[in-house]
Protein backbone atom coordinates (compact mmCIF):
# COMPACT_ATOMS: atom_id res chain seq x y z
CA MET A 1 0.00 0.00 0.00
CA GLU A 2 1.39 3.36 -1.01
CA LEU A 3 0.46 6.31 1.20
CA GLU A 4 1.27 9.97 1.04
CA PHE A 5 1.51 11.80 4.35
CA HIS A 6 0.85 15.48 4.67
CA PRO A 7 3.92 17.27 6.16
CA LYS A 8 2.87 17.13 9.84
CA GLN A 9 1.90 13.47 9.59
CA GLY A 10 5.30 12.74 8.05
CA LEU A 11 7.11 14.41 10.94
CA ALA A 12 5.08 12.39 13.44
CA TRP A 13 5.65 9.07 11.68
CA LYS A 14 9.41 9.67 11.52
CA SER A 15 9.69 10.85 15.14
CA LYS A 16 12.42 9.18 17.19
CA SER A 17 11.47 10.76 20.53
CA LYS A 18 10.53 8.74 23.58
CA ILE A 19 7.14 10.44 23.59
CA THR A 20 5.48 11.88 20.48
CA LEU A 21 2.31 13.89 21.01
CA CYS A 22 0.20 14.81 17.98
CA CYS A 23 -2.58 17.35 18.57
CA SER A 24 -4.66 18.10 15.52
CA GLY A 25 -8.04 19.48 14.61
CA ILE A 26 -10.78 16.93 14.04
CA GLN A 27 -10.26 14.71 10.97
CA GLY A 28 -6.74 16.04 10.66
CA GLY A 29 -5.34 12.54 10.11
CA LYS A 30 -3.93 11.96 13.60
CA THR A 31 -5.49 8.50 14.06
CA THR A 32 -4.24 7.44 10.64
CA VAL A 33 -0.66 8.37 11.43
CA GLY A 34 -0.96 6.70 14.84
CA ALA A 35 -2.11 3.43 13.27
CA LEU A 36 0.63 3.49 10.62
CA TRP A 37 3.26 4.34 13.23
CA ALA A 38 2.10 1.37 15.32
CA ILE A 39 2.28 -1.03 12.40
CA THR A 40 5.76 0.23 11.52
CA GLN A 41 6.93 -0.27 15.11
CA SER A 42 5.59 -3.84 15.07
CA THR A 43 8.00 -4.77 12.29
CA TYR A 44 10.92 -4.30 14.72
CA CYS A 45 9.46 -6.75 17.25
CA GLY A 46 10.12 -10.43 17.88
CA LYS A 47 7.77 -13.22 18.92
CA ASP A 48 8.09 -12.58 22.67
CA ASP A 49 7.59 -8.83 22.38
CA ASN A 50 4.41 -7.00 23.38
CA ALA A 51 2.77 -3.67 22.63
CA ILE A 52 -0.27 -1.68 23.73
CA ILE A 53 -2.97 0.04 21.68
CA ALA A 54 -5.20 2.16 23.89
CA ALA A 55 -8.08 4.63 23.83
CA PRO A 56 -10.22 6.32 26.49
CA THR A 57 -13.40 4.24 26.04
CA TYR A 58 -14.63 1.14 24.22
CA LYS A 59 -16.89 3.36 22.14
CA ILE A 60 -13.95 5.36 20.75
CA LEU A 61 -11.87 2.21 20.45
CA ASN A 62 -14.52 0.44 18.36
CA GLN A 63 -15.66 3.44 16.32
CA SER A 64 -12.34 5.05 15.47
CA THR A 65 -9.09 3.57 16.78
CA LEU A 66 -9.50 -0.09 15.82
CA PRO A 67 -11.22 0.41 12.43
CA THR A 68 -8.36 2.67 11.37
CA PHE A 69 -5.77 0.22 12.68
CA PHE A 70 -7.44 -2.80 11.02
CA LYS A 71 -7.65 -0.92 7.72
CA PHE A 72 -3.86 -0.80 7.51
CA ALA A 73 -3.13 -4.03 9.43
CA ALA A 74 -5.09 -6.28 7.05
CA GLY A 75 -3.11 -9.43 6.37
CA LYS A 76 -0.51 -8.64 9.04
CA GLY A 77 -2.06 -10.68 11.85
CA THR A 78 -5.22 -11.82 13.60
CA TYR A 79 -7.49 -10.13 16.12
CA SER A 80 -9.02 -11.91 19.10
CA LYS A 81 -12.00 -9.92 20.36
CA VAL A 82 -12.41 -12.21 23.36
CA ASP A 83 -8.86 -11.61 24.59
CA SER A 84 -8.60 -8.04 23.22
CA VAL A 85 -5.28 -8.74 21.51
CA PHE A 86 -3.90 -8.48 17.99
CA LYS A 87 -1.35 -11.18 17.17
CA PHE A 88 1.11 -10.12 14.45
CA LYS A 89 2.52 -12.72 12.07
CA ASN A 90 6.00 -12.17 13.52
CA GLY A 91 4.70 -13.46 16.87
CA SER A 92 4.49 -10.15 18.72
CA THR A 93 1.26 -9.22 20.49
CA ALA A 94 -0.56 -5.90 20.81
CA TYR A 95 -2.81 -5.71 23.86
CA ILE A 96 -5.88 -3.51 23.31
CA ARG A 97 -7.02 -1.57 26.37
CA THR A 98 -9.04 1.47 27.48
CA SER A 99 -8.60 3.96 30.30
CA THR A 100 -12.02 3.00 31.64
CA ASP A 101 -9.93 0.85 33.96
CA PRO A 102 -6.71 2.82 34.58
CA PHE A 103 -4.99 -0.35 35.78
CA SER A 104 -5.92 -2.54 32.80
CA VAL A 105 -2.35 -2.44 31.44
CA GLU A 106 -0.77 -3.74 34.64
CA GLY A 107 1.04 -7.06 34.14
CA ILE A 108 1.84 -6.56 30.44
CA THR A 109 5.58 -7.20 30.17
CA ASN A 110 8.29 -6.65 27.58
CA VAL A 111 6.42 -3.74 25.98
CA LYS A 112 8.20 -2.39 22.88
CA TRP A 113 5.77 0.35 21.75
CA ILE A 114 2.55 2.06 22.85
CA TRP A 115 -0.05 3.95 20.83
CA LEU A 116 -2.56 6.00 22.86
CA ASP A 117 -5.38 7.41 20.73
CA GLU A 118 -7.49 10.38 21.92
CA ALA A 119 -5.09 10.79 24.83
CA GLY A 120 -6.79 13.98 26.01
CA MET A 121 -9.87 12.02 27.05
CA CYS A 122 -7.91 9.42 29.02
CA LYS A 123 -7.51 9.47 32.78
CA TYR A 124 -4.23 10.74 34.15
CA MET A 125 -3.67 7.56 36.18
CA PHE A 126 -3.93 5.53 32.97
CA TRP A 127 -1.12 7.62 31.46
CA ILE A 128 1.03 7.03 34.56
CA ASN A 129 0.49 3.28 34.23
CA LEU A 130 1.26 3.32 30.50
CA GLU A 131 4.55 5.07 31.17
CA GLY A 132 5.30 2.41 33.75
CA ARG A 133 4.85 -0.33 31.14
CA ALA A 134 7.36 1.45 28.87
CA ALA A 135 9.91 2.22 31.59
CA ARG A 136 12.13 -0.88 31.59
CA THR A 137 12.29 -1.33 27.82
CA GLY A 138 12.44 2.37 26.92
CA ALA A 139 9.50 1.80 24.59
CA PRO A 140 8.43 4.79 22.47
CA ILE A 141 4.92 6.15 23.05
CA MET A 142 2.80 7.76 20.34
CA CYS A 143 -0.12 9.91 21.57
CA THR A 144 -2.71 11.19 19.11
CA THR A 145 -5.55 13.46 20.15
CA THR A 146 -7.79 16.41 19.58
CA PRO A 147 -7.29 18.75 22.58
CA TYR A 148 -10.05 18.50 25.17
CA GLY A 149 -8.87 21.12 27.65
CA ILE A 150 -5.95 22.22 29.77
CA ASN A 151 -5.74 18.80 31.40
CA TRP A 152 -2.85 16.36 31.86
CA PRO A 153 -1.49 16.28 28.25
CA TYR A 154 -1.07 20.04 28.42
CA GLN A 155 0.20 20.18 31.99
CA HIS A 156 2.60 17.24 31.83
CA LEU A 157 3.66 17.09 28.16
CA ILE A 158 2.94 20.25 26.14
CA LYS A 159 3.80 22.85 28.76
CA PRO A 160 7.17 21.30 29.77
CA PHE A 161 8.00 20.72 26.08
CA LYS A 162 7.39 24.36 25.23
CA SER A 163 9.40 25.59 28.22
CA GLY A 164 12.36 23.35 27.32
CA GLU A 165 12.10 21.30 30.51
CA ARG A 166 11.40 18.04 28.65
CA THR A 167 13.71 17.01 25.82
CA ASP A 168 12.21 13.51 25.56
CA ILE A 169 8.99 14.86 24.00
CA ASN A 170 8.21 15.72 20.39
CA TYR A 171 5.07 17.83 20.22
CA LEU A 172 3.31 18.39 16.88
CA GLU A 173 0.21 20.52 16.35
CA TRP A 174 -1.76 20.99 13.15
CA LEU A 175 -5.05 22.20 11.68
CA SER A 176 -7.88 20.13 10.28
CA VAL A 177 -7.18 21.68 6.86
CA ASP A 178 -3.55 20.56 6.97
CA ASN A 179 -5.15 17.29 5.89
CA PRO A 180 -5.74 17.93 2.16
CA THR A 181 -8.92 15.81 2.23
CA PHE A 182 -10.62 18.11 4.76
CA PRO A 183 -12.83 20.69 2.94
CA ARG A 184 -11.71 24.27 3.40
CA GLU A 185 -15.29 25.48 3.05
CA GLU A 186 -16.35 23.52 6.12
CA TYR A 187 -13.34 24.78 8.09
CA ASP A 188 -14.32 28.39 7.26
CA ARG A 189 -17.97 27.71 8.04
CA GLN A 190 -17.14 26.32 11.49
CA LYS A 191 -14.93 29.33 12.14
CA GLN A 192 -17.93 31.57 11.61
CA ILE A 193 -20.39 29.67 13.79
CA LEU A 194 -18.22 28.54 16.74
CA ASP A 195 -16.84 30.70 19.51
CA PRO A 196 -13.09 31.30 19.02
CA ARG A 197 -11.98 29.12 21.92
CA THR A 198 -13.99 26.12 20.77
CA PHE A 199 -12.86 26.57 17.17
CA ARG A 200 -9.17 26.73 18.11
CA ARG A 201 -9.50 23.54 20.12
CA LYS A 202 -11.61 21.50 17.71
CA TYR A 203 -10.27 22.62 14.34
CA MET A 204 -6.83 24.08 15.01
CA GLY A 205 -5.52 21.46 17.45
CA MET A 206 -4.71 24.11 20.05
CA SER A 207 -4.98 23.42 23.77
CA GLU A 208 -7.73 25.63 25.11
CA ARG A 209 -9.74 25.42 28.28
CA MET A 210 -12.86 23.35 27.64
CA GLU A 211 -16.04 25.36 27.18
CA GLY A 212 -18.77 24.98 29.81
CA LEU A 213 -16.53 23.97 32.70
CA VAL A 214 -18.33 23.74 36.03
CA TYR A 215 -15.38 25.33 37.84
CA GLU A 216 -12.54 27.38 36.37
CA LEU A 217 -9.33 27.74 38.36
CA SER A 218 -6.96 30.69 38.20
CA ASP A 219 -3.28 30.99 39.06
CA ASP A 220 -4.32 32.14 42.53
CA ASN A 221 -5.67 28.66 43.24
CA TYR A 222 -2.29 26.95 42.91
CA ALA A 223 0.30 26.57 45.66
CA GLU A 224 3.67 24.83 45.79
CA HIS A 225 3.61 24.07 49.53
CA LEU A 226 1.77 24.77 52.77
CA PRO A 227 2.51 27.97 54.67
CA GLU A 228 4.95 27.70 57.57
CA ASN A 229 4.49 28.57 61.24
CA ILE A 230 0.72 28.47 61.23
CA ALA A 231 -1.80 26.10 62.75
CA ILE A 232 -3.63 23.79 60.35
CA ARG A 233 -6.63 21.56 60.99
CA TYR A 234 -7.29 18.73 58.56
CA TYR A 235 -10.51 17.34 57.14
CA ALA A 236 -11.27 14.84 54.39
CA GLY A 237 -13.97 14.17 51.82
CA VAL A 238 -14.86 10.64 50.71
CA ASP A 239 -16.65 9.57 47.54
CA TRP A 240 -17.44 5.87 47.76
CA GLY A 241 -16.80 3.76 44.71
CA PHE A 242 -15.39 0.49 43.48
CA SER A 243 -15.69 -0.07 39.75
CA GLU A 244 -13.76 1.51 36.90
CA GLY A 245 -15.35 4.80 35.98
CA HIS A 246 -16.58 5.28 39.54
CA GLU A 247 -13.44 4.97 41.60
CA PHE A 248 -13.10 5.32 45.36
CA ALA A 249 -11.75 8.81 46.12
CA ILE A 250 -10.45 10.68 49.16
CA LEU A 251 -9.31 14.30 49.33
CA VAL A 252 -7.56 15.82 52.36
CA ARG A 253 -7.89 19.56 53.05
CA GLY A 254 -6.03 21.67 55.57
CA ILE A 255 -7.64 24.83 56.93
CA THR A 256 -5.29 27.41 58.43
CA ASN A 257 -6.17 29.60 61.37
CA ASP A 258 -6.32 32.61 59.05
CA GLY A 259 -9.02 30.94 56.95
CA PHE A 260 -7.15 29.59 53.91
CA LYS A 261 -8.10 26.14 52.58
CA TYR A 262 -5.42 23.90 51.05
CA ASP A 263 -6.12 20.62 49.25
CA VAL A 264 -3.03 18.67 50.22
CA HIS A 265 -3.48 14.99 49.39
CA GLU A 266 -5.61 12.77 47.15
CA LEU A 267 -6.34 9.09 46.68
CA LYS A 268 -8.22 7.70 43.70
CA ALA A 269 -8.37 3.99 43.02
CA ALA A 270 -10.63 1.31 41.54
CA LYS A 271 -11.36 -2.16 42.90
CA MET A 272 -10.74 -1.33 46.56
CA ASP A 273 -13.09 -3.44 48.66
CA PRO A 274 -14.85 -1.96 51.74
CA GLN A 275 -12.17 -3.10 54.17
CA GLN A 276 -9.42 -1.62 52.03
CA GLN A 277 -11.34 1.66 51.83
CA VAL A 278 -11.67 1.78 55.61
CA MET A 279 -7.96 1.06 56.04
CA ALA A 280 -7.08 3.81 53.54
CA CYS A 281 -9.12 6.31 55.57
CA LYS A 282 -7.50 5.07 58.76
CA ALA A 283 -4.00 5.54 57.36
CA LEU A 284 -4.75 9.09 56.25
CA GLN A 285 -6.39 9.91 59.58
CA LYS A 286 -3.20 8.85 61.33
CA SER A 287 -0.93 10.76 58.91
CA TYR A 288 -2.84 14.06 59.03
CA ASN A 289 -4.76 13.84 62.32
CA ILE A 290 -7.94 14.35 60.33
CA GLU A 291 -10.76 15.64 62.52
CA THR A 292 -13.73 14.58 60.39
CA PHE A 293 -14.36 12.64 57.20
CA TYR A 294 -17.26 14.19 55.24
CA CYS A 295 -18.74 11.40 53.17
CA ASP A 296 -21.19 10.67 50.40
CA PRO A 297 -24.35 9.84 52.43
CA ALA A 298 -25.36 7.15 49.91
CA ARG A 299 -23.35 4.58 51.90
CA PRO A 300 -24.42 4.76 55.58
CA ASP A 301 -22.91 1.31 56.08
CA MET A 302 -19.45 2.60 55.15
CA ILE A 303 -19.85 5.67 57.34
CA ALA A 304 -20.75 3.35 60.22
CA ALA A 305 -17.71 1.18 59.45
CA LEU A 306 -15.40 4.21 59.74
CA ASN A 307 -16.93 5.24 63.05
CA LYS A 308 -16.56 1.68 64.34
CA GLU A 309 -12.82 2.02 63.68
CA GLY A 310 -12.70 5.21 65.76
CA ILE A 311 -12.73 7.54 62.74
CA ARG A 312 -15.20 10.40 62.98
CA ALA A 313 -17.25 10.24 59.77
CA ILE A 314 -20.59 11.81 58.85
CA GLY A 315 -22.62 12.55 55.74
CA PHE A 316 -21.32 15.80 54.31
CA HIS A 317 -24.73 17.48 54.53
CA VAL A 318 -25.44 16.82 58.23
CA GLY A 319 -26.66 20.08 59.75
CA LYS A 320 -26.60 21.69 56.31
CA GLU A 321 -29.42 19.83 54.55
CA ALA A 322 -30.08 22.68 52.12
CA TYR A 323 -26.74 21.87 50.49
CA LYS A 324 -27.34 18.16 50.03
CA PRO A 325 -28.70 18.64 46.47
CA LEU A 326 -26.01 18.84 43.80
CA LEU A 327 -26.51 22.35 42.44
CA PRO A 328 -26.49 24.31 45.75
CA SER A 329 -23.34 22.49 46.85
CA ILE A 330 -21.68 23.14 43.48
CA GLN A 331 -22.48 26.85 43.87
CA LYS A 332 -20.95 26.89 47.36
CA HIS A 333 -17.76 25.23 46.15
CA TYR A 334 -17.62 27.66 43.23
CA GLU A 335 -17.84 30.55 45.68
CA LEU A 336 -14.93 29.09 47.66
CA ILE A 337 -12.78 28.83 44.52
CA LYS A 338 -13.46 32.49 43.69
CA SER A 339 -12.94 33.68 47.28
CA GLY A 340 -9.14 33.84 46.99
CA ARG A 341 -8.78 31.54 49.99
CA TYR A 342 -8.77 28.20 48.17
CA LYS A 343 -5.45 26.61 47.18
CA ILE A 344 -4.31 23.29 45.73
CA ILE A 345 -0.86 21.82 46.35
CA LYS A 346 -0.20 21.06 42.68
CA GLU A 347 2.34 18.28 43.09
CA ASN A 348 0.13 16.35 45.51
CA CYS A 349 -3.19 16.51 43.62
CA PRO A 350 -2.69 15.79 39.88
CA ASN A 351 -5.96 13.85 39.52
CA LEU A 352 -7.93 16.65 41.17
CA LEU A 353 -6.44 19.20 38.76
CA ASP A 354 -7.23 16.93 35.83
CA GLU A 355 -10.85 16.60 36.94
CA TYR A 356 -11.21 20.38 37.24
CA GLU A 357 -10.22 20.71 33.56
CA THR A 358 -12.78 18.19 32.27
CA TYR A 359 -15.84 18.46 34.57
CA HIS A 360 -18.36 20.32 32.42
CA TRP A 361 -21.98 21.10 31.76
CA PRO A 362 -23.62 19.19 28.89
CA GLU A 363 -23.75 20.85 25.50
CA SER A 364 -27.12 21.64 23.97
CA LYS A 365 -27.97 19.61 20.89
CA ASP A 366 -29.94 21.07 17.98
CA GLY A 367 -31.06 23.95 20.19
CA LYS A 368 -32.81 21.59 22.63
CA GLU A 369 -32.56 22.11 26.37
CA VAL A 370 -30.33 19.71 28.27
CA LYS A 371 -30.51 18.51 31.84
CA GLU A 372 -29.00 21.15 34.12
CA VAL A 373 -26.52 18.90 35.87
CA PRO A 374 -22.85 18.40 34.95
CA VAL A 375 -21.69 15.41 32.94
CA ALA A 376 -20.94 12.83 35.62
CA VAL A 377 -17.62 11.59 34.26
CA ASN A 378 -14.21 11.80 35.94
CA ASN A 379 -15.53 13.80 38.89
CA HIS A 380 -14.96 11.66 41.99
CA ILE A 381 -12.23 13.66 43.71
CA LEU A 382 -14.18 16.81 42.84
CA ASP A 383 -17.17 15.32 44.65
CA ALA A 384 -14.94 14.75 47.67
CA ALA A 385 -13.79 18.38 47.43
CA ARG A 386 -17.40 19.55 47.38
CA TYR A 387 -18.21 17.41 50.43
CA ILE A 388 -15.41 19.05 52.45
CA THR A 389 -16.52 22.52 51.38
CA ILE A 390 -20.06 21.94 52.65
CA GLY A 391 -18.96 19.97 55.70
CA THR A 392 -16.56 22.66 56.91
CA MET A 393 -18.80 25.68 56.35
CA HIS A 394 -18.99 26.06 60.14
CA VAL A 395 -15.18 26.34 60.46
CA GLN A 396 -14.65 30.09 60.56
CA GLU A 397 -11.50 32.11 61.13
CA ARG A 398 -12.57 33.17 64.61
CA ALA A 399 -13.11 29.54 65.59
CA MET A 400 -9.63 28.46 64.56
CA PRO A 401 -7.04 27.94 67.29
CA ARG A 402 -4.04 30.19 67.51
CA GLU A 403 -0.77 28.55 66.62
CA ILE A 404 1.09 27.02 69.56
CA VAL A 405 4.71 26.11 69.06
CA SER A 406 5.72 23.10 71.13
CA GLN A 407 8.72 23.75 73.33
CA ARG A 408 9.58 20.06 73.60
CA TYR A 409 8.98 19.04 70.01
CA PRO A 410 9.62 21.46 67.12
CA HIS A 411 6.33 21.52 65.23
CA ILE A 412 3.17 23.59 65.11
CA ASP A 413 0.51 22.32 67.49
CA THR A 414 -3.17 22.76 66.67
CA TRP A 415 -4.54 22.05 70.15
CA ASN A 416 -6.91 24.79 71.27
CA PRO A 417 -6.36 25.71 74.94
CA LYS A 418 -9.73 27.51 75.04
CA VAL A 419 -11.61 24.25 74.56
CA LYS A 420 -11.80 22.00 77.59
CA SER A 421 -10.90 18.43 76.76
CA LYS A 422 -9.84 15.30 78.57
CA GLN A 423 -7.48 14.49 75.72
CA LYS A 424 -3.78 15.00 76.20
CA ARG A 425 -2.09 17.87 74.51
CA SER A 426 -0.23 16.53 71.51
CA TRP A 427 3.20 17.26 72.94
CA ASP A 428 2.54 15.28 76.15
CA SER A 429 3.39 12.07 74.30
CA TYR A 430 6.92 13.16 73.39
């Protein structure tokens, strides 16, 4: 088969970088070059070598990624739908996976190449696990995508590439009309009818913040570390879950005695059974001396299990029933974000930041009204954040203890001497 690449496709196909990221407008030929790159890489493999072809969902995998791959892989091997593998004639195997389960690539060994299609829709944890599969062998990774927002591909690949911090990345960006088969008339028509930000993202391959985000962060919401020499009380939010797509999530927030709120730690994982979830909460309670876990009230049995273990846990809405419905609690969390007192420790909360950049209101279709609730995808740590916001509404600046510096142990103590308690002061144990 003879093929003629357009210039940007040719640069991507010839790339020798550890990571190649291709961001193009829709129908710009990114999936085609990804499939051809994958087939080319397979020719360098032996019978015991493995590879990974991945996409965000089975719908995208079956409607776009695999049909394009099979078009060019005809006669080069056989596909087993049951096992989700493609066996090349040279004996190498390509495992076909989605980020629906971020841990679905675990256990695949001797990986020699990886193609991730529509990377911008994949979960950040899936990307971390893919990189882990390529670590020992130094396998090259090809990512193809239309930009979906300022989420992990921008934060962890594009931004460091552009700043010169990452020399292992080759980033290529092109327009839909760089593909000679894409009609210029349609490109110009879309430019007239779409807002500029949406057009740049969908047809120019440029990373733009997704339209219709539920929350939009600013630079003021980011922090590198916690402030020093100030008392901090810790709380946590818990969103119960188990299966892929609805993972178990915990977020830890510290509130300083001058009223600033810092999200300091996150946990997001699938397939954790109830006992493992309780133990995860227990470990974080011990690490941060968390006062209260504000939980999704849908699982009273799990809340009871935490309390049985000596962990104070309640439904996030207790005493604040007006904020139990989704929209009022979203509005309250939005107000916190805009207050100037909400911060996220960037290094500690990558999944939270990724969720902020993709949690959005549904788009109207054909002028019809849509349900006024956000699209419930990739939002579990954000739910935990919302639970803490509502749960800690009663924690005001004037109620916070003044900082007390231990004389026998050099750390900031949060014990409040104005509150009578039978508990020992924290420094009494040293």
